[in-house]
Amino acid sequence: MSVSTSSAGAPARVRVSWRHPLLSLAMTYVVGPVATVLCASFLLFTVLTLAPGDPVAQLLGPHASDTARAAMRVRLGLDDPLPERYWHWLTGALHGDLGTSLTYRQPVSDLLAPRLLTTLLLVGMSAVLILVAGLVLGGIGGTSPRWRPLVNALSGLGIAVPAFVATTLLISVFAVSLGWFPTSGAGSGFTDRLWHLTLPAIALSIGYAAYLTQLTSSAIGEEAEAEHVLTGRGRGLPRSWIFRRHILRNAALPILTASGLTVAGLVAGSVVVEPAFGIDGVGSLLIKSVSAKDYPVVTAVSALIVTVFVVVTTLLDAGQHLLDPRLRKGR
């Protein structure tokens, strides 16, 4: 917002400009993401509320009296209008109250807390594997024409193999045949958890690492063939200096974008891997809750996944603006 004052004697006028940098930043990185999360959570709540199934019958059983059923409906607010029910859910969620599970008969927040730590550790290990493998292999493929075919073949194979196939192969070879890793469970204690989550992290990261490898190799390879890079090589400039100053810097934006999007998708990807390895995390809880029509848990976990994705993509967008001066100038 900018303020302008008229000439002497005239009343002051205040002019609001939506192009003000601070206001634009607030709209981009605060208002926009918050509005996205609110719209997504309302859509999730509406869809799950209108889904088939009677929460009262699930809580009280088929032999409950009509009086008990009516009292439970009032207690759960099931007769209230949909916007009012969503408002109660939203205000409760902002205070840490995500409702009560219809299956476990416990507060949803109590169910999520221990499982969230396991899932976050799994996602963290997977993110490290993805970034290390994707950037190293992609860098080799982009700078070395000799190794590029092998890198392309490996990344293509990694993308083509579904997560559940990779999970089955890893369990059969490294857990059952060789006995190097446990077949299921998340372990106890930090070291034991790392050991138990190694195979799940590899299974979760294979497809994402292959995608990042392919994109990194393509971005670096394209920059390596640019005219100014070839001119620098012709002038005898050091290859390491050319790589840091011209190739890596220009290729950083697409690589950063791909890295952020892959990490953001890991929480949703845990839905496939966790049940296969018998890990009691957020992904397994979501699968069980969908099967049991435990909608309070499904709503909370889905909203959590959406929130994580929006936060990561917002941070990613901010990082892009910091790296690229053209974006900061609004070009």
C-alpha atoms as a PDB file:
ATOM      1  CA  MET A   1       0.000   0.000   0.000  1.00  0.00           C
ATOM      2  CA  SER A   2       1.346   3.455  -0.896  1.00  0.00           C
ATOM      3  CA  VAL A   3       0.264   6.789   0.621  1.00  0.00           C
ATOM      4  CA  SER A   4       0.087  10.036  -1.414  1.00  0.00           C
ATOM      5  CA  THR A   5      -0.717  13.560  -0.172  1.00  0.00           C
ATOM      6  CA  SER A   6      -2.206  16.270  -2.330  1.00  0.00           C
ATOM      7  CA  SER A   7      -0.944  19.834  -2.604  1.00  0.00           C
ATOM      8  CA  ALA A   8      -1.207  22.284   0.328  1.00  0.00           C
ATOM      9  CA  GLY A   9      -4.751  23.113   1.344  1.00  0.00           C
ATOM     10  CA  ALA A  10      -6.301  20.089  -0.298  1.00  0.00           C
ATOM     11  CA  PRO A  11      -7.464  17.099   1.748  1.00  0.00           C
ATOM     12  CA  ALA A  12      -4.957  14.260   1.945  1.00  0.00           C
ATOM     13  CA  ARG A  13      -5.733  11.230  -0.141  1.00  0.00           C
ATOM     14  CA  VAL A  14      -4.680   7.699   0.569  1.00  0.00           C
ATOM     15  CA  ARG A  15      -4.106   5.532  -2.459  1.00  0.00           C
ATOM     16  CA  VAL A  16      -3.840   1.772  -2.134  1.00  0.00           C
ATOM     17  CA  SER A  17      -1.580   0.040  -4.612  1.00  0.00           C
ATOM     18  CA  TRP A  18      -1.796  -3.735  -4.798  1.00  0.00           C
ATOM     19  CA  ARG A  19       1.608  -3.715  -6.514  1.00  0.00           C
ATOM     20  CA  HIS A  20       3.411  -2.769  -3.285  1.00  0.00           C
ATOM     21  CA  PRO A  21       6.227  -5.298  -2.733  1.00  0.00           C
ATOM     22  CA  LEU A  22       5.309  -6.138   0.880  1.00  0.00           C
ATOM     23  CA  LEU A  23       1.626  -6.539   0.063  1.00  0.00           C
ATOM     24  CA  SER A  24       2.487  -8.679  -2.941  1.00  0.00           C
ATOM     25  CA  LEU A  25       4.746 -10.885  -0.797  1.00  0.00           C
ATOM     26  CA  ALA A  26       2.023 -11.261   1.832  1.00  0.00           C
ATOM     27  CA  MET A  27      -0.516 -12.251  -0.821  1.00  0.00           C
ATOM     28  CA  THR A  28       1.884 -14.737  -2.413  1.00  0.00           C
ATOM     29  CA  TYR A  29       3.383 -16.429   0.626  1.00  0.00           C
ATOM     30  CA  VAL A  30       0.735 -16.038   3.355  1.00  0.00           C
ATOM     31  CA  VAL A  31      -2.774 -15.318   2.078  1.00  0.00           C
ATOM     32  CA  GLY A  32      -2.577 -17.564  -0.976  1.00  0.00           C
ATOM     33  CA  PRO A  33      -1.277 -20.696   0.804  1.00  0.00           C
ATOM     34  CA  VAL A  34      -3.691 -20.223   3.734  1.00  0.00           C
ATOM     35  CA  ALA A  35      -6.628 -19.837   1.330  1.00  0.00           C
ATOM     36  CA  THR A  36      -5.520 -22.959  -0.548  1.00  0.00           C
ATOM     37  CA  VAL A  37      -5.388 -25.022   2.638  1.00  0.00           C
ATOM     38  CA  LEU A  38      -8.793 -23.727   3.768  1.00  0.00           C
ATOM     39  CA  CYS A  39     -10.437 -24.474   0.396  1.00  0.00           C
ATOM     40  CA  ALA A  40      -8.865 -27.938   0.241  1.00  0.00           C
ATOM     41  CA  SER A  41      -9.856 -28.774   3.820  1.00  0.00           C
ATOM     42  CA  PHE A  42     -13.449 -27.605   3.209  1.00  0.00           C
ATOM     43  CA  LEU A  43     -13.650 -29.709   0.060  1.00  0.00           C
ATOM     44  CA  LEU A  44     -12.270 -32.746   1.907  1.00  0.00           C
ATOM     45  CA  PHE A  45     -14.644 -32.241   4.818  1.00  0.00           C
ATOM     46  CA  THR A  46     -17.628 -31.862   2.488  1.00  0.00           C
ATOM     47  CA  VAL A  47     -16.840 -34.940   0.413  1.00  0.00           C
ATOM     48  CA  LEU A  48     -16.198 -37.147   3.438  1.00  0.00           C
ATOM     49  CA  THR A  49     -19.283 -35.840   5.233  1.00  0.00           C
ATOM     50  CA  LEU A  50     -21.494 -36.676   2.258  1.00  0.00           C
ATOM     51  CA  ALA A  51     -19.883 -40.088   1.784  1.00  0.00           C
ATOM     52  CA  PRO A  52     -22.042 -43.167   2.514  1.00  0.00           C
ATOM     53  CA  GLY A  53     -22.024 -44.531   6.068  1.00  0.00           C
ATOM     54  CA  ASP A  54     -23.560 -43.684   9.445  1.00  0.00           C
ATOM     55  CA  PRO A  55     -21.032 -42.673  12.120  1.00  0.00           C
ATOM     56  CA  VAL A  56     -23.616 -43.205  14.855  1.00  0.00           C
ATOM     57  CA  ALA A  57     -24.225 -46.821  13.819  1.00  0.00           C
ATOM     58  CA  GLN A  58     -20.489 -47.385  13.725  1.00  0.00           C
ATOM     59  CA  LEU A  59     -20.045 -45.962  17.222  1.00  0.00           C
ATOM     60  CA  LEU A  60     -23.064 -47.507  18.982  1.00  0.00           C
ATOM     61  CA  GLY A  61     -23.602 -50.655  16.957  1.00  0.00           C
ATOM     62  CA  PRO A  62     -26.753 -51.892  15.234  1.00  0.00           C
ATOM     63  CA  HIS A  63     -28.683 -52.608  18.487  1.00  0.00           C
ATOM     64  CA  ALA A  64     -28.625 -49.113  20.006  1.00  0.00           C
ATOM     65  CA  SER A  65     -31.935 -47.508  20.911  1.00  0.00           C
ATOM     66  CA  ASP A  66     -33.374 -44.580  18.982  1.00  0.00           C
ATOM     67  CA  THR A  67     -32.911 -42.339  22.036  1.00  0.00           C
ATOM     68  CA  ALA A  68     -29.220 -43.198  22.286  1.00  0.00           C
ATOM     69  CA  ARG A  69     -28.759 -42.703  18.574  1.00  0.00           C
ATOM     70  CA  ALA A  70     -30.464 -39.291  18.669  1.00  0.00           C
ATOM     71  CA  ALA A  71     -28.363 -38.195  21.646  1.00  0.00           C
ATOM     72  CA  MET A  72     -25.168 -39.257  19.869  1.00  0.00           C
ATOM     73  CA  ARG A  73     -26.155 -37.337  16.736  1.00  0.00           C
ATOM     74  CA  VAL A  74     -26.648 -34.205  18.835  1.00  0.00           C
ATOM     75  CA  ARG A  75     -23.339 -34.807  20.626  1.00  0.00           C
ATOM     76  CA  LEU A  76     -21.456 -35.174  17.305  1.00  0.00           C
ATOM     77  CA  GLY A  77     -23.314 -32.253  15.727  1.00  0.00           C
ATOM     78  CA  LEU A  78     -24.490 -34.379  12.810  1.00  0.00           C
ATOM     79  CA  ASP A  79     -27.788 -32.488  12.523  1.00  0.00           C
ATOM     80  CA  ASP A  80     -26.065 -29.105  12.180  1.00  0.00           C
ATOM     81  CA  PRO A  81     -25.684 -27.440   8.742  1.00  0.00           C
ATOM     82  CA  LEU A  82     -22.533 -28.383   6.856  1.00  0.00           C
ATOM     83  CA  PRO A  83     -20.826 -24.942   7.092  1.00  0.00           C
ATOM     84  CA  GLU A  84     -21.415 -24.921  10.867  1.00  0.00           C
ATOM     85  CA  ARG A  85     -19.955 -28.428  11.219  1.00  0.00           C
ATOM     86  CA  TYR A  86     -16.917 -27.415   9.180  1.00  0.00           C
ATOM     87  CA  TRP A  87     -16.447 -24.309  11.300  1.00  0.00           C
ATOM     88  CA  HIS A  88     -16.503 -26.402  14.496  1.00  0.00           C
ATOM     89  CA  TRP A  89     -14.005 -28.841  12.962  1.00  0.00           C
ATOM     90  CA  LEU A  90     -11.700 -26.014  11.777  1.00  0.00           C
ATOM     91  CA  THR A  91     -11.683 -24.130  15.071  1.00  0.00           C
ATOM     92  CA  GLY A  92     -11.108 -27.397  16.923  1.00  0.00           C
ATOM     93  CA  ALA A  93      -8.238 -28.324  14.582  1.00  0.00           C
ATOM     94  CA  LEU A  94      -6.586 -24.943  15.156  1.00  0.00           C
ATOM     95  CA  HIS A  95      -6.651 -25.723  18.893  1.00  0.00           C
ATOM     96  CA  GLY A  96      -5.300 -29.272  18.407  1.00  0.00           C
ATOM     97  CA  ASP A  97      -8.670 -31.036  18.603  1.00  0.00           C
ATOM     98  CA  LEU A  98      -9.138 -33.076  15.413  1.00  0.00           C
ATOM     99  CA  GLY A  99     -12.168 -34.984  16.664  1.00  0.00           C
ATOM    100  CA  THR A 100     -12.564 -38.552  17.898  1.00  0.00           C
ATOM    101  CA  SER A 101     -11.787 -41.674  15.920  1.00  0.00           C
ATOM    102  CA  LEU A 102     -14.843 -43.823  15.247  1.00  0.00           C
ATOM    103  CA  THR A 103     -12.720 -46.987  15.196  1.00  0.00           C
ATOM    104  CA  TYR A 104     -10.169 -46.479  17.975  1.00  0.00           C
ATOM    105  CA  ARG A 105     -12.502 -44.366  20.194  1.00  0.00           C
ATOM    106  CA  GLN A 106      -9.556 -42.052  20.895  1.00  0.00           C
ATOM    107  CA  PRO A 107      -8.794 -38.435  20.023  1.00  0.00           C
ATOM    108  CA  VAL A 108      -7.404 -38.254  16.487  1.00  0.00           C
ATOM    109  CA  SER A 109      -4.512 -36.071  17.657  1.00  0.00           C
ATOM    110  CA  ASP A 110      -3.431 -38.833  20.072  1.00  0.00           C
ATOM    111  CA  LEU A 111      -3.446 -41.331  17.198  1.00  0.00           C
ATOM    112  CA  LEU A 112      -1.472 -39.074  14.877  1.00  0.00           C
ATOM    113  CA  ALA A 113       1.296 -37.918  17.230  1.00  0.00           C
ATOM    114  CA  PRO A 114       3.352 -41.154  17.565  1.00  0.00           C
ATOM    115  CA  ARG A 115       2.706 -42.216  13.963  1.00  0.00           C
ATOM    116  CA  LEU A 116       3.694 -38.817  12.620  1.00  0.00           C
ATOM    117  CA  LEU A 117       7.200 -39.151  14.091  1.00  0.00           C
ATOM    118  CA  THR A 118       7.681 -42.501  12.349  1.00  0.00           C
ATOM    119  CA  THR A 119       6.447 -41.136   9.018  1.00  0.00           C
ATOM    120  CA  LEU A 120       8.579 -38.002   9.282  1.00  0.00           C
ATOM    121  CA  LEU A 121      11.696 -40.120   9.927  1.00  0.00           C
ATOM    122  CA  LEU A 122      10.833 -42.302   6.927  1.00  0.00           C
ATOM    123  CA  VAL A 123      10.237 -39.230   4.746  1.00  0.00           C
ATOM    124  CA  GLY A 124      13.485 -37.632   5.948  1.00  0.00           C
ATOM    125  CA  MET A 125      15.542 -40.732   5.117  1.00  0.00           C
ATOM    126  CA  SER A 126      13.863 -41.009   1.717  1.00  0.00           C
ATOM    127  CA  ALA A 127      14.488 -37.328   0.972  1.00  0.00           C
ATOM    128  CA  VAL A 128      18.203 -37.726   1.704  1.00  0.00           C
ATOM    129  CA  LEU A 129      18.430 -40.776  -0.571  1.00  0.00           C
ATOM    130  CA  ILE A 130      16.528 -39.003  -3.347  1.00  0.00           C
ATOM    131  CA  LEU A 131      18.640 -35.853  -3.244  1.00  0.00           C
ATOM    132  CA  VAL A 132      21.982 -37.676  -3.010  1.00  0.00           C
ATOM    133  CA  ALA A 133      21.204 -40.232  -5.732  1.00  0.00           C
ATOM    134  CA  GLY A 134      19.357 -37.809  -7.998  1.00  0.00           C
ATOM    135  CA  LEU A 135      21.932 -35.025  -7.872  1.00  0.00           C
ATOM    136  CA  VAL A 136      25.032 -37.258  -8.079  1.00  0.00           C
ATOM    137  CA  LEU A 137      23.759 -39.491 -10.883  1.00  0.00           C
ATOM    138  CA  GLY A 138      22.152 -36.549 -12.674  1.00  0.00           C
ATOM    139  CA  GLY A 139      25.392 -34.569 -12.442  1.00  0.00           C
ATOM    140  CA  ILE A 140      27.359 -37.499 -13.895  1.00  0.00           C
ATOM    141  CA  GLY A 141      24.861 -38.003 -16.697  1.00  0.00           C
ATOM    142  CA  GLY A 142      24.756 -34.307 -17.531  1.00  0.00           C
ATOM    143  CA  THR A 143      28.516 -33.730 -17.664  1.00  0.00           C
ATOM    144  CA  SER A 144      29.807 -37.035 -19.006  1.00  0.00           C
ATOM    145  CA  PRO A 145      28.582 -38.178 -22.470  1.00  0.00           C
ATOM    146  CA  ARG A 146      30.304 -41.499 -21.783  1.00  0.00           C
ATOM    147  CA  TRP A 147      28.147 -42.311 -18.740  1.00  0.00           C
ATOM    148  CA  ARG A 148      24.969 -40.643 -19.970  1.00  0.00           C
ATOM    149  CA  PRO A 149      23.432 -43.744 -21.613  1.00  0.00           C
ATOM    150  CA  LEU A 150      23.892 -45.785 -18.429  1.00  0.00           C
ATOM    151  CA  VAL A 151      22.394 -43.013 -16.276  1.00  0.00           C
ATOM    152  CA  ASN A 152      19.431 -42.669 -18.646  1.00  0.00           C
ATOM    153  CA  ALA A 153      18.874 -46.448 -18.579  1.00  0.00           C
ATOM    154  CA  LEU A 154      18.956 -46.558 -14.756  1.00  0.00           C
ATOM    155  CA  SER A 155      16.603 -43.575 -14.386  1.00  0.00           C
ATOM    156  CA  GLY A 156      14.201 -45.025 -16.939  1.00  0.00           C
ATOM    157  CA  LEU A 157      14.184 -48.346 -15.101  1.00  0.00           C
ATOM    158  CA  GLY A 158      13.600 -46.618 -11.769  1.00  0.00           C
ATOM    159  CA  ILE A 159      10.641 -44.661 -13.118  1.00  0.00           C
ATOM    160  CA  ALA A 160       9.115 -47.703 -14.787  1.00  0.00           C
ATOM    161  CA  VAL A 161       9.206 -49.962 -11.723  1.00  0.00           C
ATOM    162  CA  PRO A 162       6.097 -49.431  -9.517  1.00  0.00           C
ATOM    163  CA  ALA A 163       6.636 -48.877  -5.806  1.00  0.00           C
ATOM    164  CA  PHE A 164       4.889 -52.083  -4.767  1.00  0.00           C
ATOM    165  CA  VAL A 165       7.081 -54.146  -7.142  1.00  0.00           C
ATOM    166  CA  ALA A 166      10.238 -52.543  -5.738  1.00  0.00           C
ATOM    167  CA  THR A 167       8.927 -53.208  -2.232  1.00  0.00           C
ATOM    168  CA  THR A 168       8.371 -56.896  -2.970  1.00  0.00           C
ATOM    169  CA  LEU A 169      11.833 -57.295  -4.515  1.00  0.00           C
ATOM    170  CA  LEU A 170      13.579 -55.553  -1.627  1.00  0.00           C
ATOM    171  CA  ILE A 171      11.799 -57.672   0.976  1.00  0.00           C
ATOM    172  CA  SER A 172      12.476 -60.912  -0.932  1.00  0.00           C
ATOM    173  CA  VAL A 173      16.177 -60.245  -1.517  1.00  0.00           C
ATOM    174  CA  PHE A 174      17.464 -58.195   1.419  1.00  0.00           C
ATOM    175  CA  ALA A 175      15.055 -59.209   4.197  1.00  0.00           C
ATOM    176  CA  VAL A 176      14.085 -62.833   3.462  1.00  0.00           C
ATOM    177  CA  SER A 177      16.977 -64.286   1.414  1.00  0.00           C
ATOM    178  CA  LEU A 178      19.943 -62.379   2.854  1.00  0.00           C
ATOM    179  CA  GLY A 179      18.433 -61.490   6.236  1.00  0.00           C
ATOM    180  CA  TRP A 180      20.177 -58.119   6.365  1.00  0.00           C
ATOM    181  CA  PHE A 181      17.094 -56.143   7.328  1.00  0.00           C
ATOM    182  CA  PRO A 182      13.846 -56.906   9.228  1.00  0.00           C
ATOM    183  CA  THR A 183      10.798 -57.703   7.161  1.00  0.00           C
ATOM    184  CA  SER A 184       8.361 -55.464   9.035  1.00  0.00           C
ATOM    185  CA  GLY A 185       7.897 -52.960  11.836  1.00  0.00           C
ATOM    186  CA  ALA A 186       9.410 -49.569  12.615  1.00  0.00           C
ATOM    187  CA  GLY A 187      11.697 -50.657  15.503  1.00  0.00           C
ATOM    188  CA  SER A 188      12.304 -48.914  18.813  1.00  0.00           C
ATOM    189  CA  GLY A 189      14.971 -46.366  19.611  1.00  0.00           C
ATOM    190  CA  PHE A 190      16.687 -44.158  17.064  1.00  0.00           C
ATOM    191  CA  THR A 191      19.311 -46.619  15.756  1.00  0.00           C
ATOM    192  CA  ASP A 192      16.875 -49.520  15.582  1.00  0.00           C
ATOM    193  CA  ARG A 193      14.363 -47.315  13.749  1.00  0.00           C
ATOM    194  CA  LEU A 194      16.969 -46.329  11.169  1.00  0.00           C
ATOM    195  CA  TRP A 195      17.713 -50.033  10.591  1.00  0.00           C
ATOM    196  CA  HIS A 196      14.030 -50.948  10.252  1.00  0.00           C
ATOM    197  CA  LEU A 197      13.244 -48.011   7.953  1.00  0.00           C
ATOM    198  CA  THR A 198      16.179 -48.472   5.565  1.00  0.00           C
ATOM    199  CA  LEU A 199      14.393 -50.776   3.120  1.00  0.00           C
ATOM    200  CA  PRO A 200      11.119 -48.772   3.215  1.00  0.00           C
ATOM    201  CA  ALA A 201      13.074 -45.570   2.557  1.00  0.00           C
ATOM    202  CA  ILE A 202      14.809 -47.171  -0.441  1.00  0.00           C
ATOM    203  CA  ALA A 203      11.498 -48.469  -1.789  1.00  0.00           C
ATOM    204  CA  LEU A 204       9.886 -45.059  -1.363  1.00  0.00           C
ATOM    205  CA  SER A 205      12.771 -43.160  -2.963  1.00  0.00           C
ATOM    206  CA  ILE A 206      13.503 -45.247  -6.086  1.00  0.00           C
ATOM    207  CA  GLY A 207      10.901 -43.659  -8.381  1.00  0.00           C
ATOM    208  CA  TYR A 208      11.439 -40.112  -7.117  1.00  0.00           C
ATOM    209  CA  ALA A 209      15.258 -40.440  -7.316  1.00  0.00           C
ATOM    210  CA  ALA A 210      15.000 -41.717 -10.888  1.00  0.00           C
ATOM    211  CA  TYR A 211      12.819 -38.744 -11.842  1.00  0.00           C
ATOM    212  CA  LEU A 212      15.221 -36.271 -10.218  1.00  0.00           C
ATOM    213  CA  THR A 213      18.189 -37.981 -11.902  1.00  0.00           C
ATOM    214  CA  GLN A 214      16.590 -37.667 -15.311  1.00  0.00           C
ATOM    215  CA  LEU A 215      15.670 -34.018 -14.844  1.00  0.00           C
ATOM    216  CA  THR A 216      19.066 -33.068 -13.359  1.00  0.00           C
ATOM    217  CA  SER A 217      20.932 -34.826 -16.162  1.00  0.00           C
ATOM    218  CA  SER A 218      18.815 -33.084 -18.783  1.00  0.00           C
ATOM    219  CA  ALA A 219      19.160 -29.620 -17.184  1.00  0.00           C
ATOM    220  CA  ILE A 220      22.934 -29.853 -16.709  1.00  0.00           C
ATOM    221  CA  GLY A 221      23.444 -31.403 -20.142  1.00  0.00           C
ATOM    222  CA  GLU A 222      21.507 -28.585 -21.788  1.00  0.00           C
ATOM    223  CA  GLU A 223      23.501 -25.904 -19.970  1.00  0.00           C
ATOM    224  CA  ALA A 224      26.788 -27.690 -20.765  1.00  0.00           C
ATOM    225  CA  GLU A 225      26.078 -27.278 -24.482  1.00  0.00           C
ATOM    226  CA  ALA A 226      25.170 -23.580 -24.214  1.00  0.00           C
ATOM    227  CA  GLU A 227      27.109 -21.145 -26.375  1.00  0.00           C
ATOM    228  CA  HIS A 228      28.669 -19.168 -23.538  1.00  0.00           C
ATOM    229  CA  VAL A 229      29.892 -22.401 -21.902  1.00  0.00           C
ATOM    230  CA  LEU A 230      31.502 -23.566 -25.134  1.00  0.00           C
ATOM    231  CA  THR A 231      33.106 -20.137 -25.515  1.00  0.00           C
ATOM    232  CA  GLY A 232      34.512 -20.353 -21.989  1.00  0.00           C
ATOM    233  CA  ARG A 233      35.993 -23.759 -22.715  1.00  0.00           C
ATOM    234  CA  GLY A 234      37.498 -22.433 -25.936  1.00  0.00           C
ATOM    235  CA  ARG A 235      39.189 -19.631 -23.992  1.00  0.00           C
ATOM    236  CA  GLY A 236      40.774 -22.211 -21.698  1.00  0.00           C
ATOM    237  CA  LEU A 237      38.837 -21.361 -18.526  1.00  0.00           C
ATOM    238  CA  PRO A 238      38.966 -24.041 -15.787  1.00  0.00           C
ATOM    239  CA  ARG A 239      36.241 -26.660 -16.165  1.00  0.00           C
ATOM    240  CA  SER A 240      35.374 -26.577 -12.433  1.00  0.00           C
ATOM    241  CA  TRP A 241      34.895 -22.804 -12.556  1.00  0.00           C
ATOM    242  CA  ILE A 242      32.695 -23.050 -15.664  1.00  0.00           C
ATOM    243  CA  PHE A 243      30.632 -25.785 -13.996  1.00  0.00           C
ATOM    244  CA  ARG A 244      30.029 -23.788 -10.810  1.00  0.00           C
ATOM    245  CA  ARG A 245      29.524 -20.337 -12.331  1.00  0.00           C
ATOM    246  CA  HIS A 246      27.607 -21.101 -15.518  1.00  0.00           C
ATOM    247  CA  ILE A 247      26.286 -24.673 -15.672  1.00  0.00           C
ATOM    248  CA  LEU A 248      25.219 -25.386 -12.092  1.00  0.00           C
ATOM    249  CA  ARG A 249      23.898 -21.892 -11.405  1.00  0.00           C
ATOM    250  CA  ASN A 250      21.655 -21.831 -14.484  1.00  0.00           C
ATOM    251  CA  ALA A 251      20.483 -25.415 -13.962  1.00  0.00           C
ATOM    252  CA  ALA A 252      19.730 -24.876 -10.272  1.00  0.00           C
ATOM    253  CA  LEU A 253      16.172 -23.578 -10.730  1.00  0.00           C
ATOM    254  CA  PRO A 254      14.633 -26.634 -12.470  1.00  0.00           C
ATOM    255  CA  ILE A 255      16.601 -28.938 -10.163  1.00  0.00           C
ATOM    256  CA  LEU A 256      15.368 -27.073  -7.082  1.00  0.00           C
ATOM    257  CA  THR A 257      11.792 -27.215  -8.373  1.00  0.00           C
ATOM    258  CA  ALA A 258      11.958 -30.950  -9.015  1.00  0.00           C
ATOM    259  CA  SER A 259      13.614 -31.603  -5.643  1.00  0.00           C
ATOM    260  CA  GLY A 260      10.927 -29.702  -3.767  1.00  0.00           C
ATOM    261  CA  LEU A 261       8.049 -31.391  -5.548  1.00  0.00           C
ATOM    262  CA  THR A 262       9.485 -34.861  -4.975  1.00  0.00           C
ATOM    263  CA  VAL A 263       9.995 -34.232  -1.264  1.00  0.00           C
ATOM    264  CA  ALA A 264       6.480 -32.773  -1.010  1.00  0.00           C
ATOM    265  CA  GLY A 265       5.017 -35.945  -2.502  1.00  0.00           C
ATOM    266  CA  LEU A 266       6.794 -38.297  -0.098  1.00  0.00           C
ATOM    267  CA  VAL A 267       4.135 -38.071   2.628  1.00  0.00           C
ATOM    268  CA  ALA A 268       1.477 -39.189   0.162  1.00  0.00           C
ATOM    269  CA  GLY A 269       3.839 -41.882  -1.150  1.00  0.00           C
ATOM    270  CA  SER A 270       4.178 -43.357   2.333  1.00  0.00           C
ATOM    271  CA  VAL A 271       0.576 -44.575   1.953  1.00  0.00           C
ATOM    272  CA  VAL A 272       1.862 -47.293  -0.402  1.00  0.00           C
ATOM    273  CA  VAL A 273       5.086 -48.273   1.365  1.00  0.00           C
ATOM    274  CA  GLU A 274       4.114 -48.266   5.048  1.00  0.00           C
ATOM    275  CA  PRO A 275       1.421 -50.986   4.883  1.00  0.00           C
ATOM    276  CA  ALA A 276       3.716 -53.219   2.796  1.00  0.00           C
ATOM    277  CA  PHE A 277       6.437 -53.103   5.477  1.00  0.00           C
ATOM    278  CA  GLY A 278       4.029 -53.233   8.412  1.00  0.00           C
ATOM    279  CA  ILE A 279       5.004 -49.757   9.610  1.00  0.00           C
ATOM    280  CA  ASP A 280       2.488 -48.140  11.913  1.00  0.00           C
ATOM    281  CA  GLY A 281       2.758 -44.645  10.445  1.00  0.00           C
ATOM    282  CA  VAL A 282       0.396 -42.025   9.070  1.00  0.00           C
ATOM    283  CA  GLY A 283       0.124 -43.793   5.704  1.00  0.00           C
ATOM    284  CA  SER A 284      -0.952 -47.085   7.304  1.00  0.00           C
ATOM    285  CA  LEU A 285      -3.393 -45.228   9.551  1.00  0.00           C
ATOM    286  CA  LEU A 286      -4.968 -43.567   6.503  1.00  0.00           C
ATOM    287  CA  ILE A 287      -5.412 -46.895   4.690  1.00  0.00           C
ATOM    288  CA  LYS A 288      -7.006 -48.536   7.757  1.00  0.00           C
ATOM    289  CA  SER A 289      -9.265 -45.535   8.365  1.00  0.00           C
ATOM    290  CA  VAL A 290     -10.491 -45.448   4.759  1.00  0.00           C
ATOM    291  CA  SER A 291     -11.343 -49.165   4.948  1.00  0.00           C
ATOM    292  CA  ALA A 292     -13.174 -48.665   8.270  1.00  0.00           C
ATOM    293  CA  LYS A 293     -14.897 -45.447   7.093  1.00  0.00           C
ATOM    294  CA  ASP A 294     -13.325 -43.629  10.022  1.00  0.00           C
ATOM    295  CA  TYR A 295     -13.923 -40.211   8.484  1.00  0.00           C
ATOM    296  CA  PRO A 296     -12.545 -37.992  11.292  1.00  0.00           C
ATOM    297  CA  VAL A 297      -9.159 -39.694  10.906  1.00  0.00           C
ATOM    298  CA  VAL A 298      -9.317 -39.596   7.098  1.00  0.00           C
ATOM    299  CA  THR A 299     -10.167 -35.885   7.160  1.00  0.00           C
ATOM    300  CA  ALA A 300      -7.331 -35.063   9.554  1.00  0.00           C
ATOM    301  CA  VAL A 301      -4.677 -37.077   7.674  1.00  0.00           C
ATOM    302  CA  SER A 302      -5.774 -35.770   4.272  1.00  0.00           C
ATOM    303  CA  ALA A 303      -5.716 -32.183   5.530  1.00  0.00           C
ATOM    304  CA  LEU A 304      -2.256 -32.818   6.989  1.00  0.00           C
ATOM    305  CA  ILE A 305      -0.942 -34.099   3.640  1.00  0.00           C
ATOM    306  CA  VAL A 306      -2.411 -31.086   1.810  1.00  0.00           C
ATOM    307  CA  THR A 307      -0.907 -28.683   4.365  1.00  0.00           C
ATOM    308  CA  VAL A 308       2.557 -30.245   4.071  1.00  0.00           C
ATOM    309  CA  PHE A 309       2.388 -30.060   0.276  1.00  0.00           C
ATOM    310  CA  VAL A 310       1.299 -26.401   0.291  1.00  0.00           C
ATOM    311  CA  VAL A 311       3.992 -25.407   2.819  1.00  0.00           C
ATOM    312  CA  VAL A 312       6.775 -27.150   0.879  1.00  0.00           C
ATOM    313  CA  THR A 313       5.709 -25.695  -2.469  1.00  0.00           C
ATOM    314  CA  THR A 314       5.469 -22.216  -0.920  1.00  0.00           C
ATOM    315  CA  LEU A 315       8.996 -22.514   0.471  1.00  0.00           C
ATOM    316  CA  LEU A 316      10.102 -23.791  -2.923  1.00  0.00           C
ATOM    317  CA  ASP A 317       8.589 -20.774  -4.657  1.00  0.00           C
ATOM    318  CA  ALA A 318      10.310 -18.453  -2.187  1.00  0.00           C
ATOM    319  CA  GLY A 319      13.629 -20.191  -2.867  1.00  0.00           C
ATOM    320  CA  GLN A 320      13.169 -19.700  -6.604  1.00  0.00           C
ATOM    321  CA  HIS A 321      12.637 -15.962  -6.114  1.00  0.00           C
ATOM    322  CA  LEU A 322      15.791 -15.737  -4.026  1.00  0.00           C
ATOM    323  CA  LEU A 323      17.868 -17.561  -6.652  1.00  0.00           C
ATOM    324  CA  ASP A 324      16.526 -15.834  -9.764  1.00  0.00           C
ATOM    325  CA  PRO A 325      16.816 -12.008  -9.886  1.00  0.00           C
ATOM    326  CA  ARG A 326      14.383 -11.902 -12.828  1.00  0.00           C
ATOM    327  CA  LEU A 327      11.587 -13.257 -10.606  1.00  0.00           C
ATOM    328  CA  ARG A 328      12.366 -10.709  -7.880  1.00  0.00           C
ATOM    329  CA  LYS A 329      11.964  -7.939 -10.428  1.00  0.00           C
ATOM    330  CA  GLY A 330       8.657  -9.372 -11.546  1.00  0.00           C
ATOM    331  CA  ARG A 331       9.686  -9.940 -15.126  1.00  0.00           C
END
